[in-house]
Amino acid sequence: MRPITGKEMCRLLQQHGWILKRIRGSHHIFGKSGEFKIITVPVHANATLKPGLANRISKDTDIVW
């Protein structure tokens, strides 16, 4: 997988039906109807997400970029 920023990850989540529930500081919290998982994405300007976090979000949401 290529490096991805927090902004790009938020955009991908919204395209796949995840809804932005709230923002606390720089963390965007997403939820989805029918899912018990809550996805938190740190959005720090144009900084890329660390590979482990990006992989975990990908596995939890079944999104591949």
C-alpha atoms as a PDB file:
ATOM      1  CA  MET A   1       0.000   0.000   0.000  1.00  0.00           C
ATOM      2  CA  ARG A   2       1.122   3.510  -0.686  1.00  0.00           C
ATOM      3  CA  PRO A   3       1.418   6.132   2.072  1.00  0.00           C
ATOM      4  CA  ILE A   4      -1.844   7.937   2.786  1.00  0.00           C
ATOM      5  CA  THR A   5      -2.609  11.114   4.701  1.00  0.00           C
ATOM      6  CA  GLY A   6      -5.335  11.493   7.296  1.00  0.00           C
ATOM      7  CA  LYS A   7      -7.360  13.726   4.966  1.00  0.00           C
ATOM      8  CA  GLU A   8      -7.236  11.119   2.197  1.00  0.00           C
ATOM      9  CA  MET A   9      -8.254   8.366   4.630  1.00  0.00           C
ATOM     10  CA  CYS A  10     -11.250  10.436   5.787  1.00  0.00           C
ATOM     11  CA  ARG A  11     -12.295  10.928   2.175  1.00  0.00           C
ATOM     12  CA  LEU A  12     -12.034   7.178   1.486  1.00  0.00           C
ATOM     13  CA  LEU A  13     -14.055   6.291   4.569  1.00  0.00           C
ATOM     14  CA  GLN A  14     -16.842   8.673   3.576  1.00  0.00           C
ATOM     15  CA  GLN A  15     -16.911   7.252   0.040  1.00  0.00           C
ATOM     16  CA  HIS A  16     -17.453   3.793   1.540  1.00  0.00           C
ATOM     17  CA  GLY A  17     -20.390   4.797   3.720  1.00  0.00           C
ATOM     18  CA  TRP A  18     -18.658   5.731   6.981  1.00  0.00           C
ATOM     19  CA  ILE A  19     -20.131   8.815   8.647  1.00  0.00           C
ATOM     20  CA  LEU A  20     -18.148  11.451  10.531  1.00  0.00           C
ATOM     21  CA  LYS A  21     -19.674  11.378  14.016  1.00  0.00           C
ATOM     22  CA  ARG A  22     -17.510  13.975  15.736  1.00  0.00           C
ATOM     23  CA  ILE A  23     -14.127  15.671  15.815  1.00  0.00           C
ATOM     24  CA  ARG A  24     -12.094  15.949  18.990  1.00  0.00           C
ATOM     25  CA  GLY A  25      -8.982  18.009  18.455  1.00  0.00           C
ATOM     26  CA  SER A  26      -7.274  16.561  15.413  1.00  0.00           C
ATOM     27  CA  HIS A  27      -8.958  13.145  15.630  1.00  0.00           C
ATOM     28  CA  HIS A  28     -11.899  12.450  13.340  1.00  0.00           C
ATOM     29  CA  ILE A  29     -14.201   9.719  14.641  1.00  0.00           C
ATOM     30  CA  PHE A  30     -16.245   7.708  12.149  1.00  0.00           C
ATOM     31  CA  GLY A  31     -19.078   5.254  12.576  1.00  0.00           C
ATOM     32  CA  LYS A  32     -21.281   3.241  10.269  1.00  0.00           C
ATOM     33  CA  SER A  33     -24.818   1.976  10.579  1.00  0.00           C
ATOM     34  CA  GLY A  34     -24.780  -1.755  11.314  1.00  0.00           C
ATOM     35  CA  GLU A  35     -21.132  -1.720  12.452  1.00  0.00           C
ATOM     36  CA  PHE A  36     -20.036  -1.861  16.074  1.00  0.00           C
ATOM     37  CA  LYS A  37     -16.581  -0.510  15.283  1.00  0.00           C
ATOM     38  CA  ILE A  38     -15.556   3.099  15.704  1.00  0.00           C
ATOM     39  CA  ILE A  39     -12.719   4.302  13.484  1.00  0.00           C
ATOM     40  CA  THR A  40     -10.492   7.146  14.660  1.00  0.00           C
ATOM     41  CA  VAL A  41      -8.296   8.922  12.120  1.00  0.00           C
ATOM     42  CA  PRO A  42      -5.687  11.484  13.209  1.00  0.00           C
ATOM     43  CA  VAL A  43      -5.610  14.406  10.776  1.00  0.00           C
ATOM     44  CA  HIS A  44      -2.397  16.377  11.250  1.00  0.00           C
ATOM     45  CA  ALA A  45      -2.070  18.731   8.257  1.00  0.00           C
ATOM     46  CA  ASN A  46      -0.550  16.697   5.409  1.00  0.00           C
ATOM     47  CA  ALA A  47       1.316  14.185   7.564  1.00  0.00           C
ATOM     48  CA  THR A  48       1.025  10.579   6.412  1.00  0.00           C
ATOM     49  CA  LEU A  49      -0.436   7.948   8.667  1.00  0.00           C
ATOM     50  CA  LYS A  50       1.997   5.441  10.105  1.00  0.00           C
ATOM     51  CA  PRO A  51       1.910   2.122   8.222  1.00  0.00           C
ATOM     52  CA  GLY A  52       0.573   0.115  11.174  1.00  0.00           C
ATOM     53  CA  LEU A  53      -2.351   2.482  11.735  1.00  0.00           C
ATOM     54  CA  ALA A  54      -3.175   2.623   8.023  1.00  0.00           C
ATOM     55  CA  ASN A  55      -3.154  -1.187   7.832  1.00  0.00           C
ATOM     56  CA  ARG A  56      -5.376  -1.497  10.920  1.00  0.00           C
ATOM     57  CA  ILE A  57      -7.947   0.945   9.514  1.00  0.00           C
ATOM     58  CA  SER A  58      -7.837  -0.915   6.196  1.00  0.00           C
ATOM     59  CA  LYS A  59      -8.488  -4.278   7.885  1.00  0.00           C
ATOM     60  CA  ASP A  60     -11.233  -2.913  10.162  1.00  0.00           C
ATOM     61  CA  THR A  61     -13.124  -1.256   7.292  1.00  0.00           C
ATOM     62  CA  ASP A  62     -12.315  -3.652   4.404  1.00  0.00           C
ATOM     63  CA  ILE A  63     -11.035  -0.726   2.317  1.00  0.00           C
ATOM     64  CA  VAL A  64      -7.996  -1.140   0.073  1.00  0.00           C
ATOM     65  CA  TRP A  65      -6.422   1.820  -1.697  1.00  0.00           C
END
